[in-house]
Amino acid sequence: AFYILFLMSWAGKIGVVISVFFFCMKICESKLPVVIAALESSFAVISYIILVTTRKTGLFYKNLQVVKEEGMLVLQYEPGTWQMLWNVTLVAVIATCLCILVNAFVKEKIPQKRKQFVIIIIALLMEIVIGFLTGLPMGRYYDFNQLGFSLCAILILFAIFRNNLMDTESMAKEYIIDELSAGVIAMD
């Protein structure tokens, strides 16, 4: 049961990473080539398959076993080559998302969209800090990534509804006025 829950949590981790990548590309209106989107998605699926079969292959984790330590179930393992590849890819995806978001923030003129970018950047940085806790000794007993993902989602949802960031009508009006090359007179 412990191992099955562990695998389910990894399905969420992998899914969140890929979703955040596609979300950042979409919100920043970056053109993502279909080939890169397919490669990224394929890499995620392959990574999960390798994780599920790691007891036989040792590619993701070597010497994987569940032991009872200080009254708690702990997963003992050595990182495999695919886990190292996954970690490098994870850092690359997060760095790419941050670069795209910061670039979009700098170029954006509409204040409401700039708020969106700031909130998403803060949420992503918060996940990085919380994810870092998992690498510390206490991370041996607690995986802080789920907490980070949850707080990240709550922050984004709170910001969206608190600041009315989904108000597309006012964003559309601001965009039209910013992009219009002629003068505008508005009368009531």
Protein backbone atom coordinates (compact mmCIF):
# COMPACT_ATOMS: atom_id res chain seq x y z
CA ALA A 1 0.00 0.00 0.00
CA PHE A 2 2.86 2.37 0.85
CA TYR A 3 4.51 1.71 -2.49
CA ILE A 4 1.27 2.18 -4.43
CA LEU A 5 0.66 5.53 -2.72
CA PHE A 6 4.24 6.48 -3.47
CA LEU A 7 3.69 5.76 -7.17
CA MET A 8 0.43 7.73 -7.14
CA SER A 9 2.19 10.72 -5.61
CA TRP A 10 4.79 10.57 -8.37
CA ALA A 11 2.03 10.57 -11.01
CA GLY A 12 0.92 13.87 -9.47
CA LYS A 13 4.45 15.28 -9.31
CA ILE A 14 5.18 14.49 -12.94
CA GLY A 15 1.76 15.75 -14.03
CA VAL A 16 2.16 19.03 -12.15
CA VAL A 17 5.59 19.73 -13.64
CA ILE A 18 4.35 19.22 -17.20
CA SER A 19 1.14 21.16 -16.52
CA VAL A 20 3.05 24.12 -15.08
CA PHE A 21 5.31 24.15 -18.14
CA PHE A 22 2.36 24.22 -20.57
CA PHE A 23 0.51 26.73 -18.36
CA CYS A 24 3.49 29.12 -18.38
CA MET A 25 3.82 28.82 -22.14
CA LYS A 26 0.10 29.50 -22.60
CA ILE A 27 -0.22 32.42 -20.18
CA CYS A 28 2.89 34.08 -21.64
CA GLU A 29 1.55 33.48 -25.15
CA SER A 30 4.81 31.79 -26.13
CA LYS A 31 4.72 29.71 -29.25
CA LEU A 32 5.63 26.17 -28.31
CA PRO A 33 6.57 24.00 -31.28
CA VAL A 34 4.47 20.84 -31.48
CA VAL A 35 7.64 18.72 -31.52
CA ILE A 36 8.84 20.16 -28.19
CA ALA A 37 5.38 19.72 -26.63
CA ALA A 38 5.32 16.10 -27.81
CA LEU A 39 8.87 15.46 -26.55
CA GLU A 40 8.10 16.98 -23.15
CA SER A 41 4.91 14.94 -22.79
CA SER A 42 6.64 11.75 -23.98
CA PHE A 43 9.49 12.29 -21.53
CA ALA A 44 6.97 12.59 -18.68
CA VAL A 45 5.16 9.38 -19.66
CA ILE A 46 8.44 7.49 -20.12
CA SER A 47 9.69 8.77 -16.76
CA TYR A 48 6.59 7.47 -15.03
CA ILE A 49 6.85 4.08 -16.74
CA ILE A 50 10.50 3.85 -15.68
CA LEU A 51 9.51 4.82 -12.13
CA VAL A 52 6.81 2.13 -11.99
CA THR A 53 9.26 -0.52 -13.24
CA THR A 54 12.17 0.66 -11.10
CA ARG A 55 12.03 -2.36 -8.78
CA LYS A 56 13.00 -4.53 -11.75
CA THR A 57 15.21 -2.14 -13.71
CA GLY A 58 16.85 0.04 -11.05
CA LEU A 59 16.78 2.95 -13.50
CA PHE A 60 14.90 5.45 -11.34
CA TYR A 61 15.81 4.10 -7.90
CA LYS A 62 18.42 1.50 -7.02
CA ASN A 63 17.93 -0.82 -4.05
CA LEU A 64 14.41 0.45 -3.46
CA GLN A 65 12.85 -0.83 -0.25
CA VAL A 66 10.38 0.27 2.39
CA VAL A 67 11.68 0.02 5.96
CA LYS A 68 10.30 0.94 9.35
CA GLU A 69 12.45 3.53 11.04
CA GLU A 70 11.59 5.32 14.29
CA GLY A 71 8.00 4.12 13.96
CA MET A 72 7.63 5.48 10.44
CA LEU A 73 7.70 3.87 7.02
CA VAL A 74 10.63 5.23 5.05
CA LEU A 75 11.61 4.58 1.48
CA GLN A 76 15.30 3.72 1.24
CA TYR A 77 16.97 3.97 -2.14
CA GLU A 78 19.93 5.14 -4.12
CA PRO A 79 19.23 7.51 -6.98
CA GLY A 80 19.28 5.82 -10.38
CA THR A 81 20.44 7.36 -13.64
CA TRP A 82 16.89 8.23 -14.73
CA GLN A 83 16.16 10.01 -11.46
CA MET A 84 19.24 12.17 -12.01
CA LEU A 85 18.05 12.87 -15.57
CA TRP A 86 14.58 13.70 -14.21
CA ASN A 87 16.08 16.13 -11.66
CA VAL A 88 18.13 17.90 -14.34
CA THR A 89 15.04 18.12 -16.55
CA LEU A 90 12.99 19.45 -13.63
CA VAL A 91 15.51 22.23 -12.98
CA ALA A 92 15.58 23.06 -16.71
CA VAL A 93 11.76 23.22 -16.89
CA ILE A 94 11.51 25.46 -13.82
CA ALA A 95 14.29 27.74 -15.06
CA THR A 96 12.62 27.95 -18.47
CA CYS A 97 9.27 28.81 -16.89
CA LEU A 98 10.84 31.50 -14.71
CA CYS A 99 12.70 33.03 -17.67
CA ILE A 100 9.57 33.05 -19.81
CA LEU A 101 7.49 34.57 -17.00
CA VAL A 102 10.05 37.27 -16.17
CA ASN A 103 10.45 38.11 -19.86
CA ALA A 104 6.66 38.35 -20.29
CA PHE A 105 6.41 40.51 -17.15
CA VAL A 106 9.05 42.94 -18.44
CA LYS A 107 7.38 43.26 -21.85
CA GLU A 108 3.81 43.50 -20.56
CA LYS A 109 2.20 46.96 -20.35
CA ILE A 110 -1.20 46.03 -18.94
CA PRO A 111 -1.07 46.29 -15.12
CA GLN A 112 -3.55 43.48 -14.54
CA LYS A 113 -1.54 41.02 -16.64
CA ARG A 114 1.65 42.13 -14.88
CA LYS A 115 -0.03 41.19 -11.56
CA GLN A 116 -0.76 37.75 -12.98
CA PHE A 117 2.89 37.24 -13.89
CA VAL A 118 4.12 38.40 -10.46
CA ILE A 119 1.76 36.04 -8.64
CA ILE A 120 2.73 33.09 -10.81
CA ILE A 121 6.45 33.87 -10.38
CA ILE A 122 6.02 34.07 -6.58
CA ALA A 123 4.05 30.80 -6.57
CA LEU A 124 6.74 29.06 -8.61
CA LEU A 125 9.53 30.40 -6.39
CA MET A 126 7.59 29.27 -3.33
CA GLU A 127 7.37 25.74 -4.77
CA ILE A 128 11.14 25.78 -5.40
CA VAL A 129 11.86 26.75 -1.78
CA ILE A 130 9.43 24.17 -0.38
CA GLY A 131 10.75 21.52 -2.78
CA PHE A 132 14.26 22.28 -1.51
CA LEU A 133 13.12 21.19 1.98
CA THR A 134 12.63 17.65 0.66
CA GLY A 135 16.38 17.50 -0.02
CA LEU A 136 17.17 18.25 3.62
CA PRO A 137 17.46 15.46 6.23
CA MET A 138 13.85 15.91 7.35
CA GLY A 139 12.84 15.25 3.72
CA ARG A 140 13.71 11.64 4.38
CA TYR A 141 10.47 11.35 6.36
CA TYR A 142 8.28 13.99 4.71
CA ASP A 143 7.92 14.86 1.03
CA PHE A 144 7.23 18.58 1.04
CA ASN A 145 6.48 18.75 -2.70
CA GLN A 146 2.77 18.02 -2.25
CA LEU A 147 2.57 20.83 0.31
CA GLY A 148 4.38 23.13 -2.12
CA PHE A 149 2.09 22.22 -5.02
CA SER A 150 -0.99 22.78 -2.85
CA LEU A 151 0.19 26.15 -1.54
CA CYS A 152 1.16 27.17 -5.05
CA ALA A 153 -2.32 26.36 -6.36
CA ILE A 154 -4.03 28.09 -3.42
CA LEU A 155 -1.92 31.23 -3.93
CA ILE A 156 -2.74 31.39 -7.63
CA LEU A 157 -6.47 30.78 -7.05
CA PHE A 158 -6.60 33.32 -4.21
CA ALA A 159 -4.86 35.91 -6.36
CA ILE A 160 -7.11 35.25 -9.32
CA PHE A 161 -10.31 35.72 -7.34
CA ARG A 162 -9.07 38.40 -4.91
CA ASN A 163 -7.65 40.64 -7.64
CA ASN A 164 -10.32 39.73 -10.19
CA LEU A 165 -7.61 38.65 -12.61
CA MET A 166 -10.09 36.78 -14.76
CA ASP A 167 -11.84 40.02 -15.70
CA THR A 168 -11.32 39.60 -19.43
CA GLU A 169 -13.50 42.56 -20.36
CA SER A 170 -11.26 45.18 -18.73
CA MET A 171 -8.13 43.36 -19.95
CA ALA A 172 -9.48 43.38 -23.51
CA LYS A 173 -10.28 47.10 -23.29
CA GLU A 174 -6.80 47.91 -21.99
CA TYR A 175 -5.22 45.75 -24.69
CA ILE A 176 -7.20 47.41 -27.47
CA ILE A 177 -6.34 50.90 -26.22
CA ASP A 178 -2.64 50.00 -25.79
CA GLU A 179 -2.38 48.48 -29.26
CA LEU A 180 -4.44 51.08 -31.12
CA SER A 181 -2.35 53.42 -33.21
CA ALA A 182 -5.04 56.14 -33.46
CA GLY A 183 -6.38 58.51 -30.83
CA VAL A 184 -9.49 57.55 -28.85
CA ILE A 185 -12.21 59.72 -27.32
CA ALA A 186 -14.58 57.98 -24.94
CA MET A 187 -17.92 59.60 -24.06
CA ASP A 188 -20.66 58.47 -21.73
